Amino acid sequence: MYVKPKPGALVRDPETREPLPAEGAEVPENQYWMRRLADGDVVRAGRPTVAALPVPTDGEGL
């Protein structure tokens, strides 16, 4: 699941001990992260999308 910390919260990954980035991260749906979700320390978020590059129509760039 993809989660973000609530504003102002410092939530650490239990394996790496690194803080969860403000933009969020993919985390396992395990007891630790479900508890963080239930406590309101994190919120489910949509995964960020990568903007697609425009495709040349006249053959340029090939």
PDB file of N, CA and C in Angstrom:
ATOM      1  N   MET A   1       0.854  -1.166   0.000  1.00  0.00           N
ATOM      2  CA  MET A   1       0.000   0.000   0.000  1.00  0.00           C
ATOM      3  C   MET A   1       0.900   1.229   0.000  1.00  0.00           C
ATOM      4  N   TYR A   2       0.380   2.321  -0.492  1.00  0.00           N
ATOM      5  CA  TYR A   2       1.146   3.565  -0.559  1.00  0.00           C
ATOM      6  C   TYR A   2       0.607   4.500   0.511  1.00  0.00           C
ATOM      7  N   VAL A   3       1.485   5.003   1.376  1.00  0.00           N
ATOM      8  CA  VAL A   3       1.068   5.880   2.473  1.00  0.00           C
ATOM      9  C   VAL A   3       1.961   7.112   2.551  1.00  0.00           C
ATOM     10  N   LYS A   4       1.402   8.162   3.147  1.00  0.00           N
ATOM     11  CA  LYS A   4       2.136   9.399   3.435  1.00  0.00           C
ATOM     12  C   LYS A   4       1.988   9.689   4.921  1.00  0.00           C
ATOM     13  N   PRO A   5       2.999  10.295   5.535  1.00  0.00           N
ATOM     14  CA  PRO A   5       2.829  10.686   6.942  1.00  0.00           C
ATOM     15  C   PRO A   5       1.868  11.863   7.036  1.00  0.00           C
ATOM     16  N   LYS A   6       1.130  11.942   8.132  1.00  0.00           N
ATOM     17  CA  LYS A   6       0.266  13.106   8.309  1.00  0.00           C
ATOM     18  C   LYS A   6       1.173  14.332   8.475  1.00  0.00           C
ATOM     19  N   PRO A   7       0.714  15.523   8.132  1.00  0.00           N
ATOM     20  CA  PRO A   7       1.558  16.717   8.246  1.00  0.00           C
ATOM     21  C   PRO A   7       2.137  16.867   9.655  1.00  0.00           C
ATOM     22  N   GLY A   8       3.435  17.060   9.707  1.00  0.00           N
ATOM     23  CA  GLY A   8       4.120  17.263  10.971  1.00  0.00           C
ATOM     24  C   GLY A   8       4.527  15.991  11.696  1.00  0.00           C
ATOM     25  N   ALA A   9       4.122  14.830  11.174  1.00  0.00           N
ATOM     26  CA  ALA A   9       4.449  13.565  11.847  1.00  0.00           C
ATOM     27  C   ALA A   9       5.773  13.010  11.345  1.00  0.00           C
ATOM     28  N   LEU A  10       6.529  12.421  12.241  1.00  0.00           N
ATOM     29  CA  LEU A  10       7.753  11.716  11.897  1.00  0.00           C
ATOM     30  C   LEU A  10       7.484  10.234  12.121  1.00  0.00           C
ATOM     31  N   VAL A  11       7.378   9.495  11.027  1.00  0.00           N
ATOM     32  CA  VAL A  11       7.090   8.065  11.092  1.00  0.00           C
ATOM     33  C   VAL A  11       8.278   7.337  10.479  1.00  0.00           C
ATOM     34  N   ARG A  12       8.867   6.443  11.228  1.00  0.00           N
ATOM     35  CA  ARG A  12      10.050   5.719  10.751  1.00  0.00           C
ATOM     36  C   ARG A  12       9.681   4.333  10.231  1.00  0.00           C
ATOM     37  N   ASP A  13      10.396   3.924   9.210  1.00  0.00           N
ATOM     38  CA  ASP A  13      10.263   2.571   8.695  1.00  0.00           C
ATOM     39  C   ASP A  13      10.871   1.640   9.749  1.00  0.00           C
ATOM     40  N   PRO A  14      10.164   0.604  10.159  1.00  0.00           N
ATOM     41  CA  PRO A  14      10.683  -0.245  11.231  1.00  0.00           C
ATOM     42  C   PRO A  14      11.918  -1.050  10.836  1.00  0.00           C
ATOM     43  N   GLU A  15      12.143  -1.255   9.551  1.00  0.00           N
ATOM     44  CA  GLU A  15      13.308  -2.031   9.120  1.00  0.00           C
ATOM     45  C   GLU A  15      14.539  -1.159   8.903  1.00  0.00           C
ATOM     46  N   THR A  16      14.356  -0.008   8.253  1.00  0.00           N
ATOM     47  CA  THR A  16      15.506   0.845   7.925  1.00  0.00           C
ATOM     48  C   THR A  16      15.734   1.934   8.962  1.00  0.00           C
ATOM     49  N   ARG A  17      14.737   2.214   9.759  1.00  0.00           N
ATOM     50  CA  ARG A  17      14.740   3.301  10.752  1.00  0.00           C
ATOM     51  C   ARG A  17      14.798   4.684  10.096  1.00  0.00           C
ATOM     52  N   GLU A  18      14.646   4.733   8.780  1.00  0.00           N
ATOM     53  CA  GLU A  18      14.618   6.000   8.057  1.00  0.00           C
ATOM     54  C   GLU A  18      13.208   6.591   8.138  1.00  0.00           C
ATOM     55  N   PRO A  19      13.102   7.928   8.211  1.00  0.00           N
ATOM     56  CA  PRO A  19      11.770   8.547   8.215  1.00  0.00           C
ATOM     57  C   PRO A  19      11.046   8.314   6.896  1.00  0.00           C
ATOM     58  N   LEU A  20       9.748   8.142   6.969  1.00  0.00           N
ATOM     59  CA  LEU A  20       8.917   8.027   5.782  1.00  0.00           C
ATOM     60  C   LEU A  20       8.946   9.375   5.070  1.00  0.00           C
ATOM     61  N   PRO A  21       9.253   9.418   3.769  1.00  0.00           N
ATOM     62  CA  PRO A  21       9.312  10.695   3.066  1.00  0.00           C
ATOM     63  C   PRO A  21       7.951  11.395   3.048  1.00  0.00           C
ATOM     64  N   ALA A  22       7.977  12.711   3.033  1.00  0.00           N
ATOM     65  CA  ALA A  22       6.731  13.498   3.021  1.00  0.00           C
ATOM     66  C   ALA A  22       5.878  13.176   1.803  1.00  0.00           C
ATOM     67  N   GLU A  23       6.540  12.818   0.685  1.00  0.00           N
ATOM     68  CA  GLU A  23       5.775  12.492  -0.533  1.00  0.00           C
ATOM     69  C   GLU A  23       5.196  11.081  -0.484  1.00  0.00           C
ATOM     70  N   GLY A  24       5.565  10.304   0.547  1.00  0.00           N
ATOM     71  CA  GLY A  24       5.013   8.978   0.740  1.00  0.00           C
ATOM     72  C   GLY A  24       5.904   7.882   0.194  1.00  0.00           C
ATOM     73  N   ALA A  25       5.481   6.652   0.442  1.00  0.00           N
ATOM     74  CA  ALA A  25       6.245   5.495  -0.008  1.00  0.00           C
ATOM     75  C   ALA A  25       5.354   4.263  -0.024  1.00  0.00           C
ATOM     76  N   GLU A  26       5.793   3.292  -0.803  1.00  0.00           N
ATOM     77  CA  GLU A  26       5.130   1.988  -0.835  1.00  0.00           C
ATOM     78  C   GLU A  26       5.616   1.208   0.386  1.00  0.00           C
ATOM     79  N   VAL A  27       4.689   0.696   1.168  1.00  0.00           N
ATOM     80  CA  VAL A  27       5.031  -0.063   2.366  1.00  0.00           C
ATOM     81  C   VAL A  27       4.231  -1.362   2.377  1.00  0.00           C
ATOM     82  N   PRO A  28       4.724  -2.386   3.082  1.00  0.00           N
ATOM     83  CA  PRO A  28       3.956  -3.635   3.159  1.00  0.00           C
ATOM     84  C   PRO A  28       2.699  -3.447   4.005  1.00  0.00           C
ATOM     85  N   GLU A  29       1.681  -4.195   3.666  1.00  0.00           N
ATOM     86  CA  GLU A  29       0.429  -4.117   4.429  1.00  0.00           C
ATOM     87  C   GLU A  29       0.538  -5.088   5.612  1.00  0.00           C
ATOM     88  N   ASN A  30       1.375  -4.714   6.584  1.00  0.00           N
ATOM     89  CA  ASN A  30       1.599  -5.578   7.747  1.00  0.00           C
ATOM     90  C   ASN A  30       1.055  -4.906   9.012  1.00  0.00           C
ATOM     91  N   GLN A  31       1.243  -5.559  10.142  1.00  0.00           N
ATOM     92  CA  GLN A  31       0.686  -5.081  11.404  1.00  0.00           C
ATOM     93  C   GLN A  31       1.212  -3.694  11.773  1.00  0.00           C
ATOM     94  N   TYR A  32       2.496  -3.443  11.550  1.00  0.00           N
ATOM     95  CA  TYR A  32       3.083  -2.144  11.903  1.00  0.00           C
ATOM     96  C   TYR A  32       2.400  -1.011  11.131  1.00  0.00           C
ATOM     97  N   TRP A  33       2.334  -1.153   9.806  1.00  0.00           N
ATOM     98  CA  TRP A  33       1.771  -0.071   8.994  1.00  0.00           C
ATOM     99  C   TRP A  33       0.262   0.043   9.154  1.00  0.00           C
ATOM    100  N   MET A  34      -0.432  -1.057   9.391  1.00  0.00           N
ATOM    101  CA  MET A  34      -1.873  -0.980   9.641  1.00  0.00           C
ATOM    102  C   MET A  34      -2.137  -0.251  10.957  1.00  0.00           C
ATOM    103  N   ARG A  35      -1.262  -0.434  11.942  1.00  0.00           N
ATOM    104  CA  ARG A  35      -1.407   0.278  13.216  1.00  0.00           C
ATOM    105  C   ARG A  35      -1.150   1.767  13.031  1.00  0.00           C
ATOM    106  N   ARG A  36      -0.132   2.111  12.253  1.00  0.00           N
ATOM    107  CA  ARG A  36       0.147   3.532  11.971  1.00  0.00           C
ATOM    108  C   ARG A  36      -1.057   4.167  11.281  1.00  0.00           C
ATOM    109  N   LEU A  37      -1.676   3.424  10.386  1.00  0.00           N
ATOM    110  CA  LEU A  37      -2.861   3.905   9.678  1.00  0.00           C
ATOM    111  C   LEU A  37      -4.025   4.094  10.657  1.00  0.00           C
ATOM    112  N   ALA A  38      -4.256   3.107  11.514  1.00  0.00           N
ATOM    113  CA  ALA A  38      -5.351   3.179  12.493  1.00  0.00           C
ATOM    114  C   ALA A  38      -5.139   4.316  13.492  1.00  0.00           C
ATOM    115  N   ASP A  39      -3.886   4.574  13.863  1.00  0.00           N
ATOM    116  CA  ASP A  39      -3.571   5.652  14.806  1.00  0.00           C
ATOM    117  C   ASP A  39      -3.630   7.032  14.167  1.00  0.00           C
ATOM    118  N   GLY A  40      -3.681   7.073  12.828  1.00  0.00           N
ATOM    119  CA  GLY A  40      -3.733   8.363  12.140  1.00  0.00           C
ATOM    120  C   GLY A  40      -2.362   8.975  11.888  1.00  0.00           C
ATOM    121  N   ASP A  41      -1.290   8.206  12.109  1.00  0.00           N
ATOM    122  CA  ASP A  41       0.058   8.713  11.860  1.00  0.00           C
ATOM    123  C   ASP A  41       0.359   8.809  10.374  1.00  0.00           C
ATOM    124  N   VAL A  42      -0.282   7.937   9.582  1.00  0.00           N
ATOM    125  CA  VAL A  42      -0.138   7.958   8.129  1.00  0.00           C
ATOM    126  C   VAL A  42      -1.521   7.906   7.508  1.00  0.00           C
ATOM    127  N   VAL A  43      -1.590   8.289   6.249  1.00  0.00           N
ATOM    128  CA  VAL A  43      -2.832   8.202   5.475  1.00  0.00           C
ATOM    129  C   VAL A  43      -2.532   7.484   4.167  1.00  0.00           C
ATOM    130  N   ARG A  44      -3.513   6.739   3.675  1.00  0.00           N
ATOM    131  CA  ARG A  44      -3.357   6.114   2.354  1.00  0.00           C
ATOM    132  C   ARG A  44      -3.320   7.219   1.314  1.00  0.00           C
ATOM    133  N   ALA A  45      -2.498   7.024   0.320  1.00  0.00           N
ATOM    134  CA  ALA A  45      -2.349   8.033  -0.724  1.00  0.00           C
ATOM    135  C   ALA A  45      -2.223   7.334  -2.067  1.00  0.00           C
ATOM    136  N   GLY A  46      -2.531   8.083  -3.107  1.00  0.00           N
ATOM    137  CA  GLY A  46      -2.339   7.554  -4.450  1.00  0.00           C
ATOM    138  C   GLY A  46      -0.867   7.586  -4.811  1.00  0.00           C
ATOM    139  N   ARG A  47      -0.461   6.624  -5.602  1.00  0.00           N
ATOM    140  CA  ARG A  47       0.928   6.603  -6.056  1.00  0.00           C
ATOM    141  C   ARG A  47       1.166   7.771  -7.005  1.00  0.00           C
ATOM    142  N   PRO A  48       2.314   8.426  -6.895  1.00  0.00           N
ATOM    143  CA  PRO A  48       2.594   9.516  -7.822  1.00  0.00           C
ATOM    144  C   PRO A  48       2.728   8.978  -9.238  1.00  0.00           C
ATOM    145  N   THR A  49       2.283   9.769 -10.185  1.00  0.00           N
ATOM    146  CA  THR A  49       2.383   9.353 -11.579  1.00  0.00           C
ATOM    147  C   THR A  49       3.551  10.072 -12.234  1.00  0.00           C
ATOM    148  N   VAL A  50       4.120   9.426 -13.204  1.00  0.00           N
ATOM    149  CA  VAL A  50       5.212  10.020 -13.964  1.00  0.00           C
ATOM    150  C   VAL A  50       4.618  10.566 -15.247  1.00  0.00           C
ATOM    151  N   ALA A  51       4.883  11.825 -15.530  1.00  0.00           N
ATOM    152  CA  ALA A  51       4.350  12.435 -16.743  1.00  0.00           C
ATOM    153  C   ALA A  51       4.976  11.757 -17.960  1.00  0.00           C
ATOM    154  N   ALA A  52       4.138  11.459 -18.926  1.00  0.00           N
ATOM    155  CA  ALA A  52       4.613  10.827 -20.151  1.00  0.00           C
ATOM    156  C   ALA A  52       5.283  11.865 -21.043  1.00  0.00           C
ATOM    157  N   LEU A  53       6.346  11.448 -21.681  1.00  0.00           N
ATOM    158  CA  LEU A  53       7.019  12.338 -22.628  1.00  0.00           C
ATOM    159  C   LEU A  53       6.213  12.390 -23.910  1.00  0.00           C
ATOM    160  N   PRO A  54       6.167  13.552 -24.569  1.00  0.00           N
ATOM    161  CA  PRO A  54       5.422  13.625 -25.826  1.00  0.00           C
ATOM    162  C   PRO A  54       6.095  12.762 -26.901  1.00  0.00           C
ATOM    163  N   VAL A  55       5.288  12.152 -27.707  1.00  0.00           N
ATOM    164  CA  VAL A  55       5.793  11.304 -28.783  1.00  0.00           C
ATOM    165  C   VAL A  55       5.838  12.139 -30.057  1.00  0.00           C
ATOM    166  N   PRO A  56       7.022  12.254 -30.674  1.00  0.00           N
ATOM    167  CA  PRO A  56       7.115  13.039 -31.910  1.00  0.00           C
ATOM    168  C   PRO A  56       6.264  12.399 -33.008  1.00  0.00           C
ATOM    169  N   THR A  57       5.541  13.220 -33.745  1.00  0.00           N
ATOM    170  CA  THR A  57       4.683  12.688 -34.812  1.00  0.00           C
ATOM    171  C   THR A  57       5.336  12.782 -36.177  1.00  0.00           C
ATOM    172  N   ASP A  58       6.401  13.552 -36.303  1.00  0.00           N
ATOM    173  CA  ASP A  58       7.027  13.734 -37.622  1.00  0.00           C
ATOM    174  C   ASP A  58       8.348  12.983 -37.744  1.00  0.00           C
ATOM    175  N   GLY A  59       8.635  12.066 -36.842  1.00  0.00           N
ATOM    176  CA  GLY A  59       9.844  11.278 -36.926  1.00  0.00           C
ATOM    177  C   GLY A  59      11.047  11.928 -36.310  1.00  0.00           C
ATOM    178  N   GLU A  60      10.921  13.132 -35.768  1.00  0.00           N
ATOM    179  CA  GLU A  60      12.066  13.795 -35.117  1.00  0.00           C
ATOM    180  C   GLU A  60      12.449  13.048 -33.850  1.00  0.00           C
ATOM    181  N   GLY A  61      13.711  13.093 -33.540  1.00  0.00           N
ATOM    182  CA  GLY A  61      14.204  12.466 -32.327  1.00  0.00           C
ATOM    183  C   GLY A  61      14.482  10.990 -32.477  1.00  0.00           C
ATOM    184  N   LEU A  62      14.371  10.467 -33.688  1.00  0.00           N
ATOM    185  CA  LEU A  62      14.665   9.045 -33.888  1.00  0.00           C
ATOM    186  C   LEU A  62      16.050   8.852 -34.400  1.00  0.00           C
TER     187      LEU A  62
END
